Amino acid sequence: MAIEVRIPTILRSYTGGAKVVEGAGDTLGDLLTDLDSRHAGLKARLVTDAGALHRFVNVYVNDEDVRFVGALDAKLNDGDSVTILPAVAGGAFGFAAAAAIGQHRAAAAAIAQHSAAARAARAVAAR
């Protein structure tokens, strides 16, 4: 059973740079196990220790989100196409997003402090 798997750029280091690889399996979980046997470490980037898809990973079988068709138990057929996409704000990107939010909050706090000081100065000058 040949199943085409599209690999996102961030995971291509596990596939030797390949954008597309082939695997086999009756379910998505079986497919990921098969892929991991040839591309060590790939499955750990997609599946938690508890055996569920990481929440920052989106997987589609023939353009259908697997979270709605059984997740790792989603059935696969010969010729299916699986696409793996990292979520925009998850994984390594999540750290960058968290840092940006932290910087935004710090800037907002500084602006609020400045505004309060300016109001206080105006109040003193108005007396």
Protein backbone atom coordinates (compact mmCIF):
# COMPACT_ATOMS: atom_id res chain seq x y z
CA MET A 1 0.00 0.00 0.00
CA ALA A 2 1.66 3.25 -1.09
CA ILE A 3 0.62 6.47 0.62
CA GLU A 4 2.15 9.80 -0.35
CA VAL A 5 3.10 12.01 2.60
CA ARG A 6 3.87 15.71 2.13
CA ILE A 7 6.46 16.91 4.64
CA PRO A 8 6.63 20.54 5.81
CA THR A 9 9.95 22.37 5.63
CA ILE A 10 10.45 22.28 9.40
CA LEU A 11 10.42 18.44 9.39
CA ARG A 12 12.46 17.82 6.25
CA SER A 13 15.64 17.34 8.25
CA TYR A 14 14.12 13.97 9.24
CA THR A 15 13.53 12.98 5.62
CA GLY A 16 16.88 14.01 4.22
CA GLY A 17 15.31 17.13 2.74
CA ALA A 18 12.58 15.24 0.87
CA LYS A 19 9.35 17.21 0.39
CA VAL A 20 7.36 14.04 -0.28
CA VAL A 21 7.92 10.51 1.04
CA GLU A 22 5.96 7.29 0.72
CA GLY A 23 4.79 5.05 3.49
CA ALA A 24 2.36 2.29 4.27
CA GLY A 25 -0.26 1.55 6.91
CA ASP A 26 -3.92 0.82 7.45
CA THR A 27 -4.28 3.80 9.81
CA LEU A 28 -2.51 7.10 10.26
CA GLY A 29 -0.82 5.71 13.37
CA ASP A 30 0.48 2.73 11.38
CA LEU A 31 1.71 5.05 8.65
CA LEU A 32 3.62 7.22 11.13
CA THR A 33 5.22 4.12 12.67
CA ASP A 34 6.25 2.97 9.19
CA LEU A 35 7.67 6.40 8.35
CA ASP A 36 9.56 6.52 11.64
CA SER A 37 11.25 3.21 10.79
CA ARG A 38 12.81 4.92 7.76
CA HIS A 39 12.98 8.49 9.05
CA ALA A 40 13.95 8.17 12.72
CA GLY A 41 12.54 10.84 15.03
CA LEU A 42 9.74 11.97 12.73
CA LYS A 43 6.96 10.32 14.69
CA ALA A 44 8.10 11.89 17.97
CA ARG A 45 7.65 15.32 16.40
CA LEU A 46 4.04 14.49 15.52
CA VAL A 47 2.77 12.25 18.33
CA THR A 48 2.87 12.87 22.09
CA ASP A 49 4.16 10.37 24.63
CA ALA A 50 0.49 9.75 25.50
CA GLY A 51 -0.12 8.58 21.93
CA ALA A 52 -2.10 11.53 20.52
CA LEU A 53 -1.27 14.00 17.79
CA HIS A 54 0.53 17.07 19.09
CA ARG A 55 -1.92 19.95 19.19
CA PHE A 56 0.44 22.12 17.14
CA VAL A 57 0.42 19.68 14.22
CA ASN A 58 -2.33 19.49 11.62
CA VAL A 59 -2.62 16.35 9.51
CA TYR A 60 -4.88 15.93 6.50
CA VAL A 61 -5.79 12.78 4.59
CA ASN A 62 -6.97 13.71 1.11
CA ASP A 63 -7.58 17.28 2.38
CA GLU A 64 -9.70 16.06 5.33
CA ASP A 65 -8.55 17.03 8.85
CA VAL A 66 -7.82 13.76 10.67
CA ARG A 67 -9.07 15.17 13.97
CA PHE A 68 -12.57 14.76 12.53
CA VAL A 69 -12.06 11.28 11.07
CA GLY A 70 -10.40 9.36 13.90
CA ALA A 71 -7.03 11.10 14.43
CA LEU A 72 -4.36 8.40 14.60
CA ASP A 73 -7.04 5.76 13.98
CA ALA A 74 -8.06 7.42 10.69
CA LYS A 75 -8.29 4.72 8.01
CA LEU A 76 -6.00 4.94 5.00
CA ASN A 77 -6.22 3.43 1.53
CA ASP A 78 -3.70 2.79 -1.20
CA GLY A 79 -3.11 6.01 -3.11
CA ASP A 80 -4.17 8.35 -0.29
CA SER A 81 -2.33 11.61 0.16
CA VAL A 82 -1.34 12.75 3.66
CA THR A 83 -0.29 16.32 4.33
CA ILE A 84 1.45 17.36 7.54
CA LEU A 85 1.30 21.04 8.46
CA PRO A 86 2.63 22.76 11.57
CA ALA A 87 0.08 25.00 13.24
CA VAL A 88 0.89 28.70 12.92
CA ALA A 89 1.25 29.37 16.67
CA GLY A 90 2.44 25.98 17.88
CA GLY A 91 5.74 24.20 18.35
CA ALA A 92 8.89 26.23 17.84
CA PHE A 93 6.80 29.02 16.38
CA GLY A 94 4.93 29.17 19.68
CA PHE A 95 8.07 30.29 21.48
CA ALA A 96 8.54 33.12 19.00
CA ALA A 97 4.89 34.09 19.37
CA ALA A 98 5.17 34.01 23.17
CA ALA A 99 8.28 36.21 23.02
CA ALA A 100 6.53 38.68 20.71
CA ILE A 101 3.50 38.81 23.01
CA GLY A 102 5.79 39.38 25.99
CA GLN A 103 7.54 42.24 24.19
CA HIS A 104 4.17 43.71 23.21
CA ARG A 105 2.95 43.54 26.81
CA ALA A 106 6.17 45.18 28.07
CA ALA A 107 5.81 47.98 25.50
CA ALA A 108 2.13 48.43 26.36
CA ALA A 109 3.01 48.65 30.08
CA ALA A 110 5.71 51.25 29.36
CA ILE A 111 3.25 53.32 27.31
CA ALA A 112 0.65 53.08 30.07
CA GLN A 113 3.24 54.21 32.65
CA HIS A 114 4.30 57.12 30.48
CA SER A 115 0.68 58.14 29.92
CA ALA A 116 -0.04 58.03 33.66
CA ALA A 117 3.05 60.14 34.40
CA ALA A 118 2.03 62.66 31.73
CA ARG A 119 -1.49 62.91 33.18
CA ALA A 120 -0.06 63.41 36.66
CA ALA A 121 2.29 66.13 35.38
CA ARG A 122 -0.58 67.92 33.63
CA ALA A 123 -2.67 67.71 36.79
CA VAL A 124 0.14 69.26 38.86
CA ALA A 125 0.69 71.99 36.26
CA ALA A 126 -3.01 72.80 36.20
CA ARG A 127 -3.10 73.58 39.93
